[in-house]
C-alpha atoms as a PDB file:
ATOM      1  CA  UNK A   1     -84.718 140.665 135.162  1.00  0.00           C
ATOM      2  CA  UNK A   2     -84.591 137.336 136.975  1.00  0.00           C
ATOM      3  CA  UNK A   3     -87.451 135.109 135.843  1.00  0.00           C
ATOM      4  CA  UNK A   4     -89.309 132.569 137.982  1.00  0.00           C
ATOM      5  CA  UNK A   5     -87.753 129.644 136.086  1.00  0.00           C
ATOM      6  CA  UNK A   6     -84.190 131.024 136.039  1.00  0.00           C
ATOM      7  CA  UNK A   7     -81.663 128.819 137.816  1.00  0.00           C
ATOM      8  CA  UNK A   8     -78.389 129.706 136.088  1.00  0.00           C
ATOM      9  CA  UNK A   9     -76.539 133.016 136.250  1.00  0.00           C
ATOM     10  CA  UNK A  10     -73.322 134.359 134.792  1.00  0.00           C
ATOM     11  CA  UNK A  11     -71.999 137.818 135.658  1.00  0.00           C
ATOM     12  CA  UNK A  12     -69.083 139.996 134.608  1.00  0.00           C
ATOM     13  CA  UNK A  13     -67.651 143.390 135.446  1.00  0.00           C
ATOM     14  CA  UNK A  14     -65.652 145.810 133.305  1.00  0.00           C
ATOM     15  CA  UNK A  15     -63.743 148.523 135.153  1.00  0.00           C
ATOM     16  CA  UNK A  16     -63.195 151.777 133.282  1.00  0.00           C
ATOM     17  CA  UNK A  17     -61.429 154.933 134.526  1.00  0.00           C
ATOM     18  CA  UNK A  18     -64.538 156.547 136.039  1.00  0.00           C
ATOM     19  CA  UNK A  19     -67.136 153.782 136.083  1.00  0.00           C
ATOM     20  CA  UNK A  20     -67.661 150.055 136.503  1.00  0.00           C
ATOM     21  CA  UNK A  21     -70.135 148.189 134.293  1.00  0.00           C
ATOM     22  CA  UNK A  22     -71.832 145.082 135.704  1.00  0.00           C
ATOM     23  CA  UNK A  23     -73.819 142.669 133.546  1.00  0.00           C
ATOM     24  CA  UNK A  24     -75.535 139.384 134.342  1.00  0.00           C
ATOM     25  CA  UNK A  25     -77.151 136.811 132.088  1.00  0.00           C
ATOM     26  CA  UNK A  26     -79.831 134.530 133.498  1.00  0.00           C
ATOM     27  CA  UNK A  27     -80.999 131.202 132.143  1.00  0.00           C
ATOM     28  CA  UNK A  28     -83.200 129.920 130.917  1.00  0.00           C
ATOM     29  CA  UNK A  29     -84.225 133.085 129.136  1.00  0.00           C
ATOM     30  CA  UNK A  30     -87.200 135.157 130.190  1.00  0.00           C
ATOM     31  CA  UNK A  31     -90.777 134.711 129.133  1.00  0.00           C
ATOM     32  CA  UNK A  32     -91.480 138.358 128.261  1.00  0.00           C
ATOM     33  CA  UNK A  33     -94.173 139.757 127.952  1.00  0.00           C
ATOM     34  CA  UNK A  34     -95.599 137.741 130.857  1.00  0.00           C
ATOM     35  CA  UNK A  35     -94.841 138.170 134.559  1.00  0.00           C
ATOM     36  CA  UNK A  36     -91.311 137.388 135.867  1.00  0.00           C
ATOM     37  CA  UNK A  37     -92.732 135.453 138.817  1.00  0.00           C
ATOM     38  CA  UNK A  38     -95.008 132.465 139.361  1.00  0.00           C
ATOM     39  CA  UNK A  39     -98.277 133.078 141.166  1.00  0.00           C
ATOM     40  CA  UNK A  40     -99.085 130.994 144.205  1.00  0.00           C
ATOM     41  CA  UNK A  41     -98.951 130.786 147.958  1.00  0.00           C
ATOM     42  CA  UNK A  42     -95.701 131.940 149.572  1.00  0.00           C
ATOM     43  CA  UNK A  43     -93.049 129.184 149.493  1.00  0.00           C
ATOM     44  CA  UNK A  44     -95.489 126.740 147.848  1.00  0.00           C
ATOM     45  CA  UNK A  45     -92.945 125.885 145.124  1.00  0.00           C
ATOM     46  CA  UNK A  46     -89.917 125.436 147.413  1.00  0.00           C
ATOM     47  CA  UNK A  47     -88.015 122.172 146.875  1.00  0.00           C
ATOM     48  CA  UNK A  48     -88.917 119.475 149.395  1.00  0.00           C
ATOM     49  CA  UNK A  49     -85.745 119.836 151.496  1.00  0.00           C
ATOM     50  CA  UNK A  50     -85.716 123.669 151.554  1.00  0.00           C
ATOM     51  CA  UNK A  51     -86.976 125.838 154.400  1.00  0.00           C
ATOM     52  CA  UNK A  52     -89.142 128.926 154.027  1.00  0.00           C
ATOM     53  CA  UNK A  53     -87.553 131.949 155.720  1.00  0.00           C
ATOM     54  CA  UNK A  54     -88.923 135.482 155.363  1.00  0.00           C
ATOM     55  CA  UNK A  55     -91.230 134.232 152.589  1.00  0.00           C
ATOM     56  CA  UNK A  56     -88.287 132.940 150.508  1.00  0.00           C
ATOM     57  CA  UNK A  57     -87.124 129.388 149.865  1.00  0.00           C
END
């Protein structure tokens, strides 16, 4: 799960004969058991120089 405060990501893949396993680690770590997102108006937390497109920063 990607958390609202996550800004780092590291991913890897391991190929096996009949399957590929993908894993990603996000940082900082999650804040389980709370919500993975921050509540607020759409794009209200976008950095100053970012644009809001399709409700995403």
